[in-house]
């Protein structure tokens, strides 16, 4: 049996026995123990673990044992950047800049940013990566009058950090809309996905603390690597006909005051 095939079988066995169903941060057995358990050489176990790292199912700190990681990056209902989310998960974030130009805003970009059509904007398109694996394709437009010279700067890191440090601008709120789509050939190649794979498409408008529109973003997230969580509150119900059920000791006037 070829060594590569044996390593793949050991990888599958480790995944089934120690990773599937395990909580993030679960520590895997040592290489020595795994080699004894599966009856293979430690070099084979090392190859199997390397495959699992490439698949981002485990990670290892310097000198530490491999631990299980959650391959999905959750976007909580809290404004944070891709860089912050990746670092919080223990991943190394990076970006590949695909385009950075100054251009006139088309009708839809101008509308979403509250500008006149043709107003100058900075347009930045980047592939976002975690531990060198593609995670999302991000495209943003910003009014050029508030970010002069942005396209000439280093855009490989956090754009929000750059806006704060260079331009004293802070995105305080996102108005975001998310929909499910399937990727076309161009996006499949960039995100290293099969043609027609599921993805999440998000359109967002970023506002500063005064409600000024600073950013229009259109992002494509890998469906197998991202999920979004929301916080939902119950709608206030209208009173039942006839005033509804009365609470002992509360007159209608008191109940109105307590509402």
Protein backbone atom coordinates (compact mmCIF):
# COMPACT_ATOMS: atom_id res chain seq x y z
CA UNK A 1 0.00 0.00 0.00
CA UNK A 2 1.41 3.40 -0.98
CA UNK A 3 2.52 5.69 1.91
CA UNK A 4 0.33 8.58 0.71
CA UNK A 5 -2.73 6.34 0.71
CA UNK A 6 -1.93 5.08 4.21
CA UNK A 7 -1.57 8.67 5.44
CA UNK A 8 -4.97 9.57 3.96
CA UNK A 9 -6.56 6.58 5.67
CA UNK A 10 -4.99 7.59 8.99
CA UNK A 11 -6.21 11.16 8.42
CA UNK A 12 -9.75 9.88 7.87
CA UNK A 13 -9.53 7.68 10.96
CA UNK A 14 -8.29 10.56 13.15
CA UNK A 15 -11.06 12.78 11.80
CA UNK A 16 -13.75 10.19 12.50
CA UNK A 17 -12.51 9.25 15.97
CA UNK A 18 -11.18 12.50 17.41
CA UNK A 19 -12.50 15.45 15.38
CA UNK A 20 -16.06 14.73 14.24
CA UNK A 21 -18.41 15.83 16.99
CA UNK A 22 -15.62 17.22 19.17
CA UNK A 23 -15.71 20.70 20.67
CA UNK A 24 -13.22 23.33 19.42
CA UNK A 25 -9.96 23.32 21.44
CA UNK A 26 -10.20 19.56 22.11
CA UNK A 27 -6.63 18.24 22.35
CA UNK A 28 -5.66 15.31 20.10
CA UNK A 29 -3.49 12.44 21.36
CA UNK A 30 0.25 12.60 20.79
CA UNK A 31 1.88 11.39 17.59
CA UNK A 32 3.35 8.44 19.49
CA UNK A 33 -0.05 7.36 20.81
CA UNK A 34 -1.73 7.76 17.42
CA UNK A 35 1.01 5.75 15.73
CA UNK A 36 0.57 2.93 18.24
CA UNK A 37 -3.23 3.07 17.97
CA UNK A 38 -3.31 2.79 14.17
CA UNK A 39 -0.23 0.58 13.81
CA UNK A 40 1.73 2.97 11.58
CA UNK A 41 4.98 4.90 11.72
CA UNK A 42 5.05 8.33 13.39
CA UNK A 43 6.03 9.84 10.02
CA UNK A 44 2.71 8.61 8.61
CA UNK A 45 0.81 10.17 11.52
CA UNK A 46 2.75 13.39 10.95
CA UNK A 47 1.66 13.41 7.30
CA UNK A 48 -1.97 12.76 8.29
CA UNK A 49 -1.90 15.62 10.79
CA UNK A 50 -0.39 17.92 8.15
CA UNK A 51 -3.36 17.15 5.88
CA UNK A 52 -5.78 18.00 8.68
CA UNK A 53 -3.97 21.30 9.26
CA UNK A 54 -4.25 22.14 5.56
CA UNK A 55 -7.97 21.44 5.80
CA UNK A 56 -8.04 23.74 8.87
CA UNK A 57 -9.56 21.03 11.05
CA UNK A 58 -6.73 21.21 13.58
CA UNK A 59 -4.03 23.69 14.51
CA UNK A 60 -0.90 23.54 16.64
CA UNK A 61 0.77 26.21 18.69
CA UNK A 62 4.56 26.31 18.99
CA UNK A 63 5.58 23.25 20.95
CA UNK A 64 1.98 22.36 21.78
CA UNK A 65 -0.24 19.43 20.78
CA UNK A 66 -2.71 19.69 17.90
CA UNK A 67 -6.18 20.89 18.86
CA UNK A 68 -9.54 20.77 17.07
CA UNK A 69 -10.76 24.01 15.50
CA UNK A 70 -14.14 25.05 14.19
CA UNK A 71 -13.65 25.47 10.42
CA UNK A 72 -16.47 28.02 10.24
CA UNK A 73 -16.00 31.67 11.04
CA UNK A 74 -19.08 33.00 12.82
CA UNK A 75 -20.13 36.61 12.35
CA UNK A 76 -21.87 37.61 15.57
CA UNK A 77 -24.34 40.52 15.79
CA UNK A 78 -21.47 42.80 16.71
CA UNK A 79 -19.52 44.99 14.33
CA UNK A 80 -16.06 43.52 13.84
CA UNK A 81 -13.62 43.23 10.98
CA UNK A 82 -12.54 40.05 9.21
CA UNK A 83 -9.09 40.54 10.75
CA UNK A 84 -10.53 40.66 14.28
CA UNK A 85 -12.73 37.61 13.69
CA UNK A 86 -9.86 35.55 12.27
CA UNK A 87 -7.44 36.51 15.06
CA UNK A 88 -10.05 35.65 17.68
CA UNK A 89 -10.25 32.16 16.18
CA UNK A 90 -6.46 31.78 16.26
CA UNK A 91 -6.01 32.09 12.48
CA UNK A 92 -3.55 34.29 10.64
CA UNK A 93 -5.52 36.76 8.47
CA UNK A 94 -4.19 38.19 5.22
CA UNK A 95 -5.44 39.78 2.02
CA UNK A 96 -4.67 39.66 -1.66
CA UNK A 97 -5.52 42.98 -3.29
CA UNK A 98 -7.20 42.32 -6.63
CA UNK A 99 -8.07 45.92 -7.48
CA UNK A 100 -7.63 49.37 -5.92
CA UNK A 101 -8.69 52.32 -8.08
CA UNK A 102 -10.30 55.74 -7.97
CA UNK A 103 -13.38 55.94 -10.18
CA UNK A 104 -16.69 57.78 -10.60
CA UNK A 105 -19.57 56.24 -8.66
CA UNK A 106 -22.20 54.57 -10.78
CA UNK A 107 -25.88 55.08 -10.01
CA UNK A 108 -26.25 52.22 -7.52
CA UNK A 109 -23.01 52.98 -5.64
CA UNK A 110 -23.88 56.68 -5.48
CA UNK A 111 -27.36 55.91 -4.18
CA UNK A 112 -26.12 53.60 -1.43
CA UNK A 113 -23.44 56.06 -0.32
CA UNK A 114 -25.73 59.10 -0.53
CA UNK A 115 -23.62 60.70 -3.28
CA UNK A 116 -24.37 62.23 -6.65
CA UNK A 117 -23.75 59.87 -9.60
CA UNK A 118 -20.24 60.37 -10.91
CA UNK A 119 -18.83 61.45 -7.54
CA UNK A 120 -15.28 60.14 -7.05
CA UNK A 121 -14.96 57.03 -4.90
CA UNK A 122 -12.17 54.66 -3.85
CA UNK A 123 -12.94 51.13 -5.05
CA UNK A 124 -11.07 48.25 -3.38
CA UNK A 125 -11.50 44.56 -4.18
CA UNK A 126 -9.69 41.98 -2.04
CA UNK A 127 -9.54 38.25 -1.44
CA UNK A 128 -9.52 37.61 2.32
CA UNK A 129 -7.58 34.61 3.60
CA UNK A 130 -7.15 32.80 6.91
CA UNK A 131 -4.00 30.71 7.32
CA UNK A 132 -3.50 31.21 3.55
CA UNK A 133 -6.89 29.64 2.70
CA UNK A 134 -9.41 31.82 0.80
CA UNK A 135 -12.43 32.71 2.92
CA UNK A 136 -14.21 35.64 1.27
CA UNK A 137 -14.16 38.04 -1.63
CA UNK A 138 -14.71 41.61 -0.42
CA UNK A 139 -15.47 44.68 -2.52
CA UNK A 140 -15.85 48.14 -0.97
CA UNK A 141 -16.47 51.68 -2.15
CA UNK A 142 -15.75 54.78 -0.04
CA UNK A 143 -16.28 58.48 -0.83
CA UNK A 144 -12.92 59.74 -2.03
CA UNK A 145 -13.35 63.08 -0.29
CA UNK A 146 -12.98 61.37 3.11
CA UNK A 147 -10.23 58.90 2.11
CA UNK A 148 -7.90 60.74 -0.31
CA UNK A 149 -4.97 58.59 -1.41
CA UNK A 150 -6.44 55.38 0.03
CA UNK A 151 -5.78 53.28 -3.09
CA UNK A 152 -2.04 54.06 -2.88
CA UNK A 153 -1.70 52.70 0.66
CA UNK A 154 -0.94 49.17 1.90
CA UNK A 155 -4.36 47.49 1.85
CA UNK A 156 -3.26 44.02 2.91
CA UNK A 157 -4.40 44.42 6.52
CA UNK A 158 -7.53 45.60 8.28
CA UNK A 159 -9.25 48.37 6.33
CA UNK A 160 -11.08 49.56 9.45
CA UNK A 161 -7.82 49.93 11.37
CA UNK A 162 -6.40 51.89 8.44
CA UNK A 163 -9.42 54.20 8.35
CA UNK A 164 -9.05 54.94 12.06
CA UNK A 165 -5.29 55.42 12.07
CA UNK A 166 -4.91 57.34 8.80
CA UNK A 167 -8.20 59.21 8.44
CA UNK A 168 -9.65 59.27 11.98
CA UNK A 169 -12.78 57.53 10.68
CA UNK A 170 -14.72 54.84 12.50
CA UNK A 171 -17.44 52.58 11.13
CA UNK A 172 -19.96 52.47 13.96
CA UNK A 173 -22.90 50.60 12.40
CA UNK A 174 -23.63 48.19 9.56
CA UNK A 175 -26.90 47.97 7.68
CA UNK A 176 -26.49 44.52 6.14
CA UNK A 177 -28.51 42.28 3.87
CA UNK A 178 -27.52 38.62 3.33
CA UNK A 179 -28.69 36.17 0.69
CA UNK A 180 -27.70 32.65 -0.41
CA UNK A 181 -26.27 32.19 -3.91
CA UNK A 182 -24.18 29.72 -5.91
CA UNK A 183 -20.76 30.72 -7.21
CA UNK A 184 -19.91 31.19 -10.88
CA UNK A 185 -16.68 30.06 -12.52
CA UNK A 186 -14.69 33.23 -11.69
CA UNK A 187 -15.64 33.26 -8.01
CA UNK A 188 -15.25 29.49 -7.70
CA UNK A 189 -11.64 29.75 -8.85
CA UNK A 190 -10.84 32.62 -6.49
CA UNK A 191 -12.44 30.97 -3.47
CA UNK A 192 -11.22 27.46 -4.41
CA UNK A 193 -14.74 26.07 -4.53
CA UNK A 194 -16.52 23.73 -6.95
CA UNK A 195 -18.56 25.49 -9.60
CA UNK A 196 -22.07 26.05 -8.25
CA UNK A 197 -21.07 25.69 -4.58
CA UNK A 198 -23.11 27.54 -1.97
CA UNK A 199 -21.99 30.98 -0.81
CA UNK A 200 -23.37 33.89 1.20
CA UNK A 201 -23.64 37.27 -0.51
CA UNK A 202 -23.78 40.28 1.82
CA UNK A 203 -24.40 43.91 0.96
CA UNK A 204 -23.65 46.35 3.75
CA UNK A 205 -23.55 50.08 4.32
CA UNK A 206 -21.17 51.27 7.04
CA UNK A 207 -22.04 54.43 8.95
CA UNK A 208 -20.02 56.56 11.35
CA UNK A 209 -21.33 57.57 14.82
CA UNK A 210 -23.10 60.59 13.26
CA UNK A 211 -24.92 58.44 10.72
CA UNK A 212 -22.75 59.50 7.78
CA UNK A 213 -22.30 56.81 5.13
CA UNK A 214 -18.63 55.85 4.91
CA UNK A 215 -18.62 52.50 3.16
CA UNK A 216 -20.55 50.36 0.73
CA UNK A 217 -19.50 46.74 0.87
CA UNK A 218 -20.46 43.76 -1.28
CA UNK A 219 -18.92 40.54 -0.04
CA UNK A 220 -19.05 36.90 -1.07
CA UNK A 221 -18.41 34.44 1.77
CA UNK A 222 -17.72 30.74 1.41
CA UNK A 223 -20.85 28.91 2.53
CA UNK A 224 -18.81 26.10 4.09
CA UNK A 225 -16.64 28.48 6.14
CA UNK A 226 -18.98 31.23 7.35
CA UNK A 227 -22.17 31.58 9.30
CA UNK A 228 -23.96 34.66 10.58
CA UNK A 229 -25.83 34.92 13.88
CA UNK A 230 -28.53 37.43 14.72
CA UNK A 231 -30.38 38.66 17.79
CA UNK A 232 -34.15 38.86 17.35
CA UNK A 233 -36.68 40.50 19.68
CA UNK A 234 -40.40 39.76 19.86
CA UNK A 235 -42.62 42.36 18.22
CA UNK A 236 -44.80 44.36 20.61
CA UNK A 237 -48.27 42.85 20.48
CA UNK A 238 -51.36 45.00 20.12
CA UNK A 239 -53.81 44.80 23.05
CA UNK A 240 -56.60 42.27 22.68
CA UNK A 241 -60.10 43.48 21.84
CA UNK A 242 -61.93 44.89 24.86
CA UNK A 243 -58.75 45.91 26.62
CA UNK A 244 -57.44 42.37 27.12
CA UNK A 245 -56.78 40.68 30.39
CA UNK A 246 -56.58 42.93 33.45
CA UNK A 247 -53.84 42.68 36.03
CA UNK A 248 -54.97 42.72 39.63
CA UNK A 249 -54.27 46.02 41.35
CA UNK A 250 -53.48 47.87 38.09
CA UNK A 251 -56.00 50.32 36.75
CA UNK A 252 -55.91 51.12 33.00
CA UNK A 253 -54.17 54.38 33.86
CA UNK A 254 -51.50 52.61 35.87
CA UNK A 255 -50.97 49.98 33.16
CA UNK A 256 -50.51 52.76 30.59
CA UNK A 257 -47.89 54.40 32.80
CA UNK A 258 -46.03 51.08 33.18
CA UNK A 259 -46.05 50.29 29.46
